Amino acid sequence: MKIISLAQALLRKNSWFVAAFQVLLTLTALMLAWFLRFEFTLPDRRLLFSAALLLIAIRLAMIAHFGLLHGWWRYTGLSDVLDVVKSVVSGSLIFACVMRYFLHVASFPRSIYVLEPLLTAGLLVGVRMFPACWQNQSAKTSHLLQEYY
């Protein structure tokens, strides 16, 4: 319980922490997509990590553009979920266009363009919905315990 309280306090007060956490989730999604694509190996690490820097910059810009740097995840609703989806889709389109047409990187796996946004959206939505679900579940449990005893 203390860990959750600490996390909630950090998320409420520090947008830099929220941004760093979302960067970490994006990097996690990219790494997981890479591992899934290449059967849990890390070929072409230079391409992966250089693309990661670009992806994180674009993803963070889109997250900020859609107003997702706030830390009130306990009050997340459908509008936040839609904003996450919009930021991930637009960021992924920008990333793919920059990689393919501006930087001319043809060796970046096309499957990563699909896997990474799915994983990123799942992680970003999941961490936003978890506190609300946790609070809702603990309130139901508390209510049931009061009725039982």
C-alpha atoms as a PDB file:
ATOM      1  CA  MET A   1       0.000   0.000   0.000  1.00  0.00           C
ATOM      2  CA  LYS A   2       2.854   2.417   0.784  1.00  0.00           C
ATOM      3  CA  ILE A   3       4.365   1.877  -2.661  1.00  0.00           C
ATOM      4  CA  ILE A   4       1.051   2.729  -4.338  1.00  0.00           C
ATOM      5  CA  SER A   5       0.675   5.833  -2.151  1.00  0.00           C
ATOM      6  CA  LEU A   6       4.197   6.963  -3.044  1.00  0.00           C
ATOM      7  CA  ALA A   7       3.572   6.374  -6.756  1.00  0.00           C
ATOM      8  CA  GLN A   8       0.300   8.314  -6.592  1.00  0.00           C
ATOM      9  CA  ALA A   9       2.009  11.214  -4.816  1.00  0.00           C
ATOM     10  CA  LEU A  10       4.774  11.354  -7.422  1.00  0.00           C
ATOM     11  CA  LEU A  11       2.291  11.161 -10.285  1.00  0.00           C
ATOM     12  CA  ARG A  12       0.107  13.911  -8.825  1.00  0.00           C
ATOM     13  CA  LYS A  13       2.851  16.435  -8.248  1.00  0.00           C
ATOM     14  CA  ASN A  14       5.540  15.967 -10.856  1.00  0.00           C
ATOM     15  CA  SER A  15       4.848  16.116 -14.557  1.00  0.00           C
ATOM     16  CA  TRP A  16       8.548  15.412 -15.187  1.00  0.00           C
ATOM     17  CA  PHE A  17       8.104  12.085 -13.406  1.00  0.00           C
ATOM     18  CA  VAL A  18       5.010  11.362 -15.482  1.00  0.00           C
ATOM     19  CA  ALA A  19       6.931  12.186 -18.671  1.00  0.00           C
ATOM     20  CA  ALA A  20       9.886  10.015 -17.633  1.00  0.00           C
ATOM     21  CA  PHE A  21       7.559   7.151 -16.755  1.00  0.00           C
ATOM     22  CA  GLN A  22       5.840   7.371 -20.138  1.00  0.00           C
ATOM     23  CA  VAL A  23       9.232   7.443 -21.862  1.00  0.00           C
ATOM     24  CA  LEU A  24      10.147   4.295 -19.948  1.00  0.00           C
ATOM     25  CA  LEU A  25       6.895   2.634 -21.051  1.00  0.00           C
ATOM     26  CA  THR A  26       7.553   3.597 -24.677  1.00  0.00           C
ATOM     27  CA  LEU A  27      11.083   2.217 -24.510  1.00  0.00           C
ATOM     28  CA  THR A  28       9.759  -0.952 -22.875  1.00  0.00           C
ATOM     29  CA  ALA A  29       7.188  -1.386 -25.643  1.00  0.00           C
ATOM     30  CA  LEU A  30       9.818  -0.877 -28.339  1.00  0.00           C
ATOM     31  CA  MET A  31      12.199  -3.362 -26.728  1.00  0.00           C
ATOM     32  CA  LEU A  32       9.416  -5.898 -26.250  1.00  0.00           C
ATOM     33  CA  ALA A  33       8.319  -5.476 -29.874  1.00  0.00           C
ATOM     34  CA  TRP A  34      11.926  -5.987 -30.990  1.00  0.00           C
ATOM     35  CA  PHE A  35      12.260  -9.098 -28.813  1.00  0.00           C
ATOM     36  CA  LEU A  36       9.006 -10.515 -30.164  1.00  0.00           C
ATOM     37  CA  ARG A  37      10.017  -9.808 -33.762  1.00  0.00           C
ATOM     38  CA  PHE A  38      13.470 -11.332 -33.421  1.00  0.00           C
ATOM     39  CA  GLU A  39      12.604 -14.245 -31.121  1.00  0.00           C
ATOM     40  CA  PHE A  40      14.149 -12.726 -27.994  1.00  0.00           C
ATOM     41  CA  THR A  41      17.458 -11.683 -29.503  1.00  0.00           C
ATOM     42  CA  LEU A  42      18.859  -8.206 -30.114  1.00  0.00           C
ATOM     43  CA  PRO A  43      20.191  -8.008 -33.667  1.00  0.00           C
ATOM     44  CA  ASP A  44      21.154  -4.614 -35.079  1.00  0.00           C
ATOM     45  CA  ARG A  45      21.294  -2.839 -31.722  1.00  0.00           C
ATOM     46  CA  ARG A  46      22.620   0.347 -33.270  1.00  0.00           C
ATOM     47  CA  LEU A  47      19.477   0.680 -35.405  1.00  0.00           C
ATOM     48  CA  LEU A  48      17.248  -0.154 -32.435  1.00  0.00           C
ATOM     49  CA  PHE A  49      18.747   2.401 -30.071  1.00  0.00           C
ATOM     50  CA  SER A  50      19.042   5.188 -32.630  1.00  0.00           C
ATOM     51  CA  ALA A  51      15.416   4.619 -33.632  1.00  0.00           C
ATOM     52  CA  ALA A  52      14.471   4.533 -29.942  1.00  0.00           C
ATOM     53  CA  LEU A  53      15.767   8.074 -29.443  1.00  0.00           C
ATOM     54  CA  LEU A  54      13.716   9.345 -32.365  1.00  0.00           C
ATOM     55  CA  LEU A  55      10.622   7.401 -31.337  1.00  0.00           C
ATOM     56  CA  ILE A  56      10.797   8.634 -27.742  1.00  0.00           C
ATOM     57  CA  ALA A  57      11.153  12.258 -28.860  1.00  0.00           C
ATOM     58  CA  ILE A  58       8.176  11.964 -31.206  1.00  0.00           C
ATOM     59  CA  ARG A  59       6.095   9.966 -28.732  1.00  0.00           C
ATOM     60  CA  LEU A  60       6.747  12.461 -25.902  1.00  0.00           C
ATOM     61  CA  ALA A  61       5.863  15.383 -28.180  1.00  0.00           C
ATOM     62  CA  MET A  62       2.564  13.718 -29.101  1.00  0.00           C
ATOM     63  CA  ILE A  63       1.819  12.852 -25.462  1.00  0.00           C
ATOM     64  CA  ALA A  64       2.368  16.508 -24.550  1.00  0.00           C
ATOM     65  CA  HIS A  65       0.342  17.684 -27.551  1.00  0.00           C
ATOM     66  CA  PHE A  66      -2.665  15.635 -26.438  1.00  0.00           C
ATOM     67  CA  GLY A  67      -2.346  16.830 -22.836  1.00  0.00           C
ATOM     68  CA  LEU A  68      -1.331  13.514 -21.313  1.00  0.00           C
ATOM     69  CA  LEU A  69       1.423  14.782 -19.026  1.00  0.00           C
ATOM     70  CA  HIS A  70      -0.883  15.185 -16.046  1.00  0.00           C
ATOM     71  CA  GLY A  71      -0.659  12.760 -13.180  1.00  0.00           C
ATOM     72  CA  TRP A  72      -4.307  12.391 -12.193  1.00  0.00           C
ATOM     73  CA  TRP A  73      -4.534   8.814 -13.364  1.00  0.00           C
ATOM     74  CA  ARG A  74      -6.969   7.904 -10.637  1.00  0.00           C
ATOM     75  CA  TYR A  75      -9.576   9.924 -12.562  1.00  0.00           C
ATOM     76  CA  THR A  76      -8.839   8.528 -16.001  1.00  0.00           C
ATOM     77  CA  GLY A  77     -11.815   8.187 -18.264  1.00  0.00           C
ATOM     78  CA  LEU A  78     -12.684   7.353 -21.831  1.00  0.00           C
ATOM     79  CA  SER A  79     -11.452  10.727 -23.084  1.00  0.00           C
ATOM     80  CA  ASP A  80      -7.959   9.979 -21.730  1.00  0.00           C
ATOM     81  CA  VAL A  81      -8.000   6.565 -23.378  1.00  0.00           C
ATOM     82  CA  LEU A  82      -8.981   8.154 -26.694  1.00  0.00           C
ATOM     83  CA  ASP A  83      -6.240  10.770 -26.277  1.00  0.00           C
ATOM     84  CA  VAL A  84      -3.693   8.001 -25.657  1.00  0.00           C
ATOM     85  CA  VAL A  85      -4.826   6.203 -28.807  1.00  0.00           C
ATOM     86  CA  LYS A  86      -4.684   9.439 -30.829  1.00  0.00           C
ATOM     87  CA  SER A  87      -1.219  10.292 -29.524  1.00  0.00           C
ATOM     88  CA  VAL A  88       0.110   6.796 -30.209  1.00  0.00           C
ATOM     89  CA  VAL A  89      -1.374   6.598 -33.718  1.00  0.00           C
ATOM     90  CA  SER A  90      -0.205  10.067 -34.735  1.00  0.00           C
ATOM     91  CA  GLY A  91       3.231   9.520 -33.191  1.00  0.00           C
ATOM     92  CA  SER A  92       3.586   6.190 -34.970  1.00  0.00           C
ATOM     93  CA  LEU A  93       2.635   7.688 -38.327  1.00  0.00           C
ATOM     94  CA  ILE A  94       5.138  10.503 -37.858  1.00  0.00           C
ATOM     95  CA  PHE A  95       7.834   8.052 -36.749  1.00  0.00           C
ATOM     96  CA  ALA A  96       7.245   5.775 -39.745  1.00  0.00           C
ATOM     97  CA  CYS A  97       7.297   8.699 -42.184  1.00  0.00           C
ATOM     98  CA  VAL A  98      10.472  10.145 -40.698  1.00  0.00           C
ATOM     99  CA  MET A  99      12.217   6.772 -40.699  1.00  0.00           C
ATOM    100  CA  ARG A 100      11.143   5.774 -44.227  1.00  0.00           C
ATOM    101  CA  TYR A 101      10.942   9.024 -46.171  1.00  0.00           C
ATOM    102  CA  PHE A 102      13.196  11.548 -44.423  1.00  0.00           C
ATOM    103  CA  LEU A 103      15.972   9.348 -43.041  1.00  0.00           C
ATOM    104  CA  HIS A 104      15.579   6.643 -45.716  1.00  0.00           C
ATOM    105  CA  VAL A 105      15.990   3.804 -43.215  1.00  0.00           C
ATOM    106  CA  ALA A 106      14.614   0.838 -45.129  1.00  0.00           C
ATOM    107  CA  SER A 107      16.184  -1.752 -42.826  1.00  0.00           C
ATOM    108  CA  PHE A 108      13.917  -0.938 -39.871  1.00  0.00           C
ATOM    109  CA  PRO A 109      11.497  -3.895 -39.531  1.00  0.00           C
ATOM    110  CA  ARG A 110       7.990  -3.077 -40.694  1.00  0.00           C
ATOM    111  CA  SER A 111       6.481  -5.364 -38.080  1.00  0.00           C
ATOM    112  CA  ILE A 112       7.863  -3.073 -35.367  1.00  0.00           C
ATOM    113  CA  TYR A 113       5.775  -0.242 -36.817  1.00  0.00           C
ATOM    114  CA  VAL A 114       2.712  -2.321 -35.897  1.00  0.00           C
ATOM    115  CA  LEU A 115       3.807  -4.144 -32.742  1.00  0.00           C
ATOM    116  CA  GLU A 116       5.285  -1.164 -30.907  1.00  0.00           C
ATOM    117  CA  PRO A 117       2.213   1.102 -31.066  1.00  0.00           C
ATOM    118  CA  LEU A 118      -0.045  -1.734 -29.908  1.00  0.00           C
ATOM    119  CA  LEU A 119       2.208  -2.436 -26.947  1.00  0.00           C
ATOM    120  CA  THR A 120       2.711   1.245 -26.163  1.00  0.00           C
ATOM    121  CA  ALA A 121      -1.021   1.962 -26.232  1.00  0.00           C
ATOM    122  CA  GLY A 122      -1.679  -1.048 -24.028  1.00  0.00           C
ATOM    123  CA  LEU A 123       0.927   0.016 -21.496  1.00  0.00           C
ATOM    124  CA  LEU A 124      -0.094   3.682 -21.462  1.00  0.00           C
ATOM    125  CA  VAL A 125      -3.780   2.857 -21.089  1.00  0.00           C
ATOM    126  CA  GLY A 126      -3.034   0.117 -18.565  1.00  0.00           C
ATOM    127  CA  VAL A 127      -1.078   2.333 -16.203  1.00  0.00           C
ATOM    128  CA  ARG A 128      -3.782   4.966 -16.404  1.00  0.00           C
ATOM    129  CA  MET A 129      -6.617   2.553 -15.727  1.00  0.00           C
ATOM    130  CA  PHE A 130      -4.890   0.553 -12.970  1.00  0.00           C
ATOM    131  CA  PRO A 131      -5.241   3.164 -10.173  1.00  0.00           C
ATOM    132  CA  ALA A 132      -8.913   3.723 -10.995  1.00  0.00           C
ATOM    133  CA  CYS A 133      -9.608  -0.009 -11.078  1.00  0.00           C
ATOM    134  CA  TRP A 134      -7.588  -0.538  -7.906  1.00  0.00           C
ATOM    135  CA  GLN A 135      -9.484   2.189  -6.065  1.00  0.00           C
ATOM    136  CA  ASN A 136     -12.821   0.894  -7.326  1.00  0.00           C
ATOM    137  CA  GLN A 137     -11.994  -2.681  -6.333  1.00  0.00           C
ATOM    138  CA  SER A 138     -10.717  -1.703  -2.884  1.00  0.00           C
ATOM    139  CA  ALA A 139     -13.861   0.370  -2.303  1.00  0.00           C
ATOM    140  CA  LYS A 140     -16.035  -2.628  -3.236  1.00  0.00           C
ATOM    141  CA  THR A 141     -13.985  -4.914  -1.013  1.00  0.00           C
ATOM    142  CA  SER A 142     -14.229  -2.479   1.891  1.00  0.00           C
ATOM    143  CA  HIS A 143     -17.987  -2.179   1.406  1.00  0.00           C
ATOM    144  CA  LEU A 144     -18.389  -5.976   1.313  1.00  0.00           C
ATOM    145  CA  LEU A 145     -16.303  -6.394   4.464  1.00  0.00           C
ATOM    146  CA  GLN A 146     -18.409  -3.805   6.280  1.00  0.00           C
ATOM    147  CA  GLU A 147     -21.584  -5.638   5.280  1.00  0.00           C
ATOM    148  CA  TYR A 148     -20.166  -8.994   6.297  1.00  0.00           C
ATOM    149  CA  TYR A 149     -18.937  -7.943   9.724  1.00  0.00           C
END
